[in-house]
N, C-alpha and C. Protein backbone atom coordinates (compact mmCIF):
# COMPACT_ATOMS: atom_id res chain seq x y z
N UNK A 1 33.07 7.82 21.18
CA UNK A 1 34.11 6.82 21.04
C UNK A 1 33.75 5.61 21.90
N UNK A 2 33.76 4.45 21.29
CA UNK A 2 33.43 3.23 22.04
C UNK A 2 34.71 2.52 22.48
N UNK A 3 34.60 1.81 23.57
CA UNK A 3 35.74 1.07 24.09
C UNK A 3 35.66 -0.36 23.57
N UNK A 4 36.69 -0.77 22.86
CA UNK A 4 36.69 -2.12 22.29
C UNK A 4 37.02 -3.17 23.34
N UNK A 5 38.02 -2.89 24.18
CA UNK A 5 38.49 -3.89 25.13
C UNK A 5 37.72 -3.80 26.45
N UNK A 6 36.56 -4.42 26.45
CA UNK A 6 35.76 -4.50 27.67
C UNK A 6 36.31 -5.62 28.55
N UNK A 7 35.82 -5.71 29.77
CA UNK A 7 36.27 -6.78 30.67
C UNK A 7 35.98 -8.16 30.09
N UNK A 8 34.82 -8.29 29.46
CA UNK A 8 34.47 -9.58 28.85
C UNK A 8 35.42 -9.95 27.72
N UNK A 9 35.74 -8.97 26.88
CA UNK A 9 36.64 -9.25 25.76
C UNK A 9 38.06 -9.55 26.24
N UNK A 10 38.47 -8.92 27.32
CA UNK A 10 39.79 -9.20 27.88
C UNK A 10 39.83 -10.64 28.41
N UNK A 11 38.76 -11.09 29.02
CA UNK A 11 38.69 -12.48 29.50
C UNK A 11 38.73 -13.46 28.33
N UNK A 12 38.04 -13.12 27.25
CA UNK A 12 38.08 -13.97 26.05
C UNK A 12 39.50 -14.00 25.49
N UNK A 13 40.14 -12.83 25.44
CA UNK A 13 41.52 -12.75 24.96
C UNK A 13 42.44 -13.62 25.82
N UNK A 14 42.27 -13.58 27.14
CA UNK A 14 43.06 -14.42 28.03
C UNK A 14 42.89 -15.89 27.70
N UNK A 15 41.65 -16.30 27.49
CA UNK A 15 41.39 -17.72 27.21
C UNK A 15 42.01 -18.13 25.88
N UNK A 16 41.95 -17.26 24.88
CA UNK A 16 42.58 -17.56 23.59
C UNK A 16 44.09 -17.68 23.76
N UNK A 17 44.69 -16.80 24.54
CA UNK A 17 46.13 -16.85 24.76
C UNK A 17 46.51 -18.14 25.49
N UNK A 18 45.74 -18.50 26.49
CA UNK A 18 46.03 -19.71 27.26
C UNK A 18 45.91 -20.97 26.41
N UNK A 19 45.02 -20.91 25.42
CA UNK A 19 44.86 -22.09 24.56
C UNK A 19 45.95 -22.18 23.50
N UNK A 20 46.82 -21.16 23.44
CA UNK A 20 47.95 -21.22 22.51
C UNK A 20 47.72 -20.55 21.17
N UNK A 21 46.62 -19.85 21.03
CA UNK A 21 46.35 -19.17 19.75
C UNK A 21 47.33 -18.02 19.55
N UNK A 22 47.68 -17.78 18.29
CA UNK A 22 48.56 -16.66 17.99
C UNK A 22 47.74 -15.39 17.76
N UNK A 23 48.44 -14.25 17.73
CA UNK A 23 47.76 -12.96 17.62
C UNK A 23 46.93 -12.85 16.35
N UNK A 24 47.43 -13.39 15.27
CA UNK A 24 46.72 -13.29 13.99
C UNK A 24 45.35 -13.97 14.08
N UNK A 25 45.33 -15.19 14.60
CA UNK A 25 44.06 -15.93 14.70
C UNK A 25 43.12 -15.31 15.73
N UNK A 26 43.68 -14.79 16.81
CA UNK A 26 42.85 -14.11 17.79
C UNK A 26 42.21 -12.88 17.16
N UNK A 27 42.99 -12.12 16.41
CA UNK A 27 42.47 -10.92 15.75
C UNK A 27 41.32 -11.26 14.80
N UNK A 28 41.47 -12.34 14.06
CA UNK A 28 40.40 -12.75 13.14
C UNK A 28 39.15 -13.11 13.93
N UNK A 29 39.30 -13.91 14.99
CA UNK A 29 38.14 -14.33 15.78
C UNK A 29 37.45 -13.16 16.47
N UNK A 30 38.25 -12.15 16.86
CA UNK A 30 37.67 -11.04 17.61
C UNK A 30 37.35 -9.84 16.71
N UNK A 31 37.48 -10.03 15.41
CA UNK A 31 37.19 -8.96 14.45
C UNK A 31 38.00 -7.70 14.78
N UNK A 32 39.29 -7.92 14.95
CA UNK A 32 40.21 -6.86 15.33
C UNK A 32 41.45 -6.96 14.45
N UNK A 33 42.50 -6.22 14.79
CA UNK A 33 43.74 -6.31 14.03
C UNK A 33 44.82 -6.97 14.89
N UNK A 34 45.84 -7.45 14.21
CA UNK A 34 46.99 -8.07 14.88
C UNK A 34 47.60 -7.08 15.88
N UNK A 35 47.80 -5.85 15.43
CA UNK A 35 48.40 -4.83 16.30
C UNK A 35 47.53 -4.53 17.52
N UNK A 36 46.22 -4.49 17.33
CA UNK A 36 45.32 -4.21 18.45
C UNK A 36 45.41 -5.31 19.50
N UNK A 37 45.52 -6.56 19.05
CA UNK A 37 45.65 -7.68 19.99
C UNK A 37 46.98 -7.59 20.73
N UNK A 38 48.06 -7.34 19.98
CA UNK A 38 49.37 -7.22 20.61
C UNK A 38 49.43 -6.09 21.62
N UNK A 39 48.85 -4.96 21.26
CA UNK A 39 48.84 -3.82 22.17
C UNK A 39 47.99 -4.09 23.41
N UNK A 40 46.89 -4.82 23.24
CA UNK A 40 46.04 -5.15 24.39
C UNK A 40 46.78 -6.08 25.34
N UNK A 41 47.53 -7.02 24.78
CA UNK A 41 48.30 -7.93 25.62
C UNK A 41 49.30 -7.14 26.46
N UNK A 42 49.96 -6.16 25.85
CA UNK A 42 50.91 -5.32 26.59
C UNK A 42 50.19 -4.42 27.59
N UNK A 43 49.15 -3.73 27.11
CA UNK A 43 48.45 -2.74 27.94
C UNK A 43 47.85 -3.35 29.19
N UNK A 44 47.27 -4.54 29.06
CA UNK A 44 46.57 -5.16 30.19
C UNK A 44 47.42 -6.22 30.90
N UNK A 45 48.70 -6.31 30.54
CA UNK A 45 49.61 -7.23 31.22
C UNK A 45 49.24 -8.69 31.06
N UNK A 46 48.88 -9.08 29.85
CA UNK A 46 48.43 -10.45 29.61
C UNK A 46 49.53 -11.37 29.09
N UNK A 47 50.75 -10.89 29.05
CA UNK A 47 51.85 -11.70 28.54
C UNK A 47 52.04 -12.99 29.31
N UNK A 48 51.69 -12.99 30.57
CA UNK A 48 51.84 -14.19 31.40
C UNK A 48 50.88 -15.30 30.97
N UNK A 49 49.86 -14.95 30.22
CA UNK A 49 48.88 -15.94 29.80
C UNK A 49 49.29 -16.66 28.52
N UNK A 50 50.36 -16.17 27.88
CA UNK A 50 50.85 -16.84 26.67
C UNK A 50 51.69 -18.03 27.11
N UNK A 51 51.39 -19.21 26.61
CA UNK A 51 52.19 -20.37 27.01
C UNK A 51 53.59 -20.28 26.40
N UNK A 52 54.58 -20.80 27.12
CA UNK A 52 55.95 -20.84 26.60
C UNK A 52 56.03 -21.98 25.60
N UNK A 53 56.54 -21.67 24.44
CA UNK A 53 56.67 -22.71 23.42
C UNK A 53 57.78 -23.67 23.80
N UNK A 54 57.59 -24.96 23.51
CA UNK A 54 58.59 -25.96 23.89
C UNK A 54 59.97 -25.67 23.30
N UNK A 55 60.02 -25.12 22.09
CA UNK A 55 61.32 -24.85 21.49
C UNK A 55 62.07 -23.79 22.29
N UNK A 56 61.36 -22.80 22.80
CA UNK A 56 61.99 -21.77 23.61
C UNK A 56 62.51 -22.36 24.92
N UNK A 57 61.73 -23.25 25.52
CA UNK A 57 62.17 -23.90 26.75
C UNK A 57 63.44 -24.69 26.52
N UNK A 58 63.51 -25.42 25.38
CA UNK A 58 64.69 -26.22 25.07
C UNK A 58 65.91 -25.32 24.91
N UNK A 59 65.75 -24.18 24.28
CA UNK A 59 66.87 -23.26 24.08
C UNK A 59 67.41 -22.83 25.43
N UNK A 60 66.53 -22.46 26.36
CA UNK A 60 66.98 -22.03 27.67
C UNK A 60 67.63 -23.17 28.46
N UNK A 61 67.10 -24.38 28.31
CA UNK A 61 67.67 -25.51 29.03
C UNK A 61 69.06 -25.85 28.50
N UNK A 62 69.26 -25.68 27.19
CA UNK A 62 70.53 -26.06 26.57
C UNK A 62 71.54 -24.93 26.50
N UNK A 63 71.21 -23.76 27.03
CA UNK A 63 72.11 -22.62 26.99
C UNK A 63 72.78 -22.45 28.35
N UNK A 64 74.09 -22.45 28.34
CA UNK A 64 74.85 -22.22 29.56
C UNK A 64 75.04 -20.72 29.70
N UNK A 65 74.31 -20.10 30.59
CA UNK A 65 74.36 -18.66 30.74
C UNK A 65 75.70 -18.17 31.28
N UNK A 66 76.44 -19.06 31.93
CA UNK A 66 77.77 -18.68 32.42
C UNK A 66 78.72 -18.40 31.26
N UNK A 67 78.50 -19.08 30.13
CA UNK A 67 79.36 -18.86 28.96
C UNK A 67 79.07 -17.52 28.29
N UNK A 68 77.92 -16.97 28.55
CA UNK A 68 77.51 -15.73 27.90
C UNK A 68 77.88 -14.52 28.76
N UNK A 69 79.14 -14.44 29.16
CA UNK A 69 79.55 -13.30 29.96
C UNK A 69 80.29 -12.30 29.09
N UNK A 70 80.57 -11.15 29.62
CA UNK A 70 81.20 -10.08 28.85
C UNK A 70 82.68 -9.91 29.19
N UNK A 71 83.30 -10.91 29.78
CA UNK A 71 84.69 -10.78 30.19
C UNK A 71 85.60 -10.43 29.01
N UNK A 72 85.46 -11.14 27.92
CA UNK A 72 86.33 -10.95 26.77
C UNK A 72 85.59 -10.31 25.60
N UNK A 73 84.54 -9.58 25.88
CA UNK A 73 83.70 -9.06 24.81
C UNK A 73 84.47 -8.19 23.82
N UNK A 74 85.22 -7.22 24.32
CA UNK A 74 85.95 -6.31 23.43
C UNK A 74 86.98 -7.07 22.60
N UNK A 75 87.67 -8.01 23.23
CA UNK A 75 88.68 -8.80 22.52
C UNK A 75 88.03 -9.65 21.43
N UNK A 76 86.92 -10.30 21.75
CA UNK A 76 86.22 -11.12 20.78
C UNK A 76 85.62 -10.27 19.66
N UNK A 77 85.18 -9.08 19.98
CA UNK A 77 84.63 -8.18 18.97
C UNK A 77 85.71 -7.81 17.96
N UNK A 78 86.91 -7.53 18.43
CA UNK A 78 88.02 -7.18 17.54
C UNK A 78 88.40 -8.38 16.66
N UNK A 79 88.38 -9.57 17.24
CA UNK A 79 88.72 -10.77 16.47
C UNK A 79 87.68 -11.05 15.39
N UNK A 80 86.45 -10.66 15.63
CA UNK A 80 85.37 -10.94 14.70
C UNK A 80 85.33 -9.96 13.53
N UNK A 81 86.01 -8.85 13.65
CA UNK A 81 86.00 -7.85 12.57
C UNK A 81 86.71 -8.41 11.35
N UNK A 82 86.16 -8.11 10.20
CA UNK A 82 86.78 -8.53 8.95
C UNK A 82 88.01 -7.68 8.67
N UNK A 83 89.06 -8.32 8.24
CA UNK A 83 90.29 -7.62 7.90
C UNK A 83 90.37 -7.49 6.37
N UNK A 84 90.32 -6.27 5.88
CA UNK A 84 90.40 -6.03 4.45
C UNK A 84 91.84 -5.77 4.06
N UNK A 85 92.36 -6.56 3.14
CA UNK A 85 93.73 -6.37 2.67
C UNK A 85 93.77 -5.56 1.41
């Protein structure tokens, strides 16, 4: 059994992630599968090398986390239920 993810390939994977490439394109370049790339990112803790997309940053900047509390969760859940007559 051969080991696919050598230290050199992990460094290449890091550089691809830092450049903003997605898993599909990385898999094609590395002659691997999408799942293998995703699993390697998890297994070797490479998630920090993926750049944050600007749209995600905007969502976090525009979201008031104080509004997302669970104080009235049960009440709001009941109000959201459809009433069948």
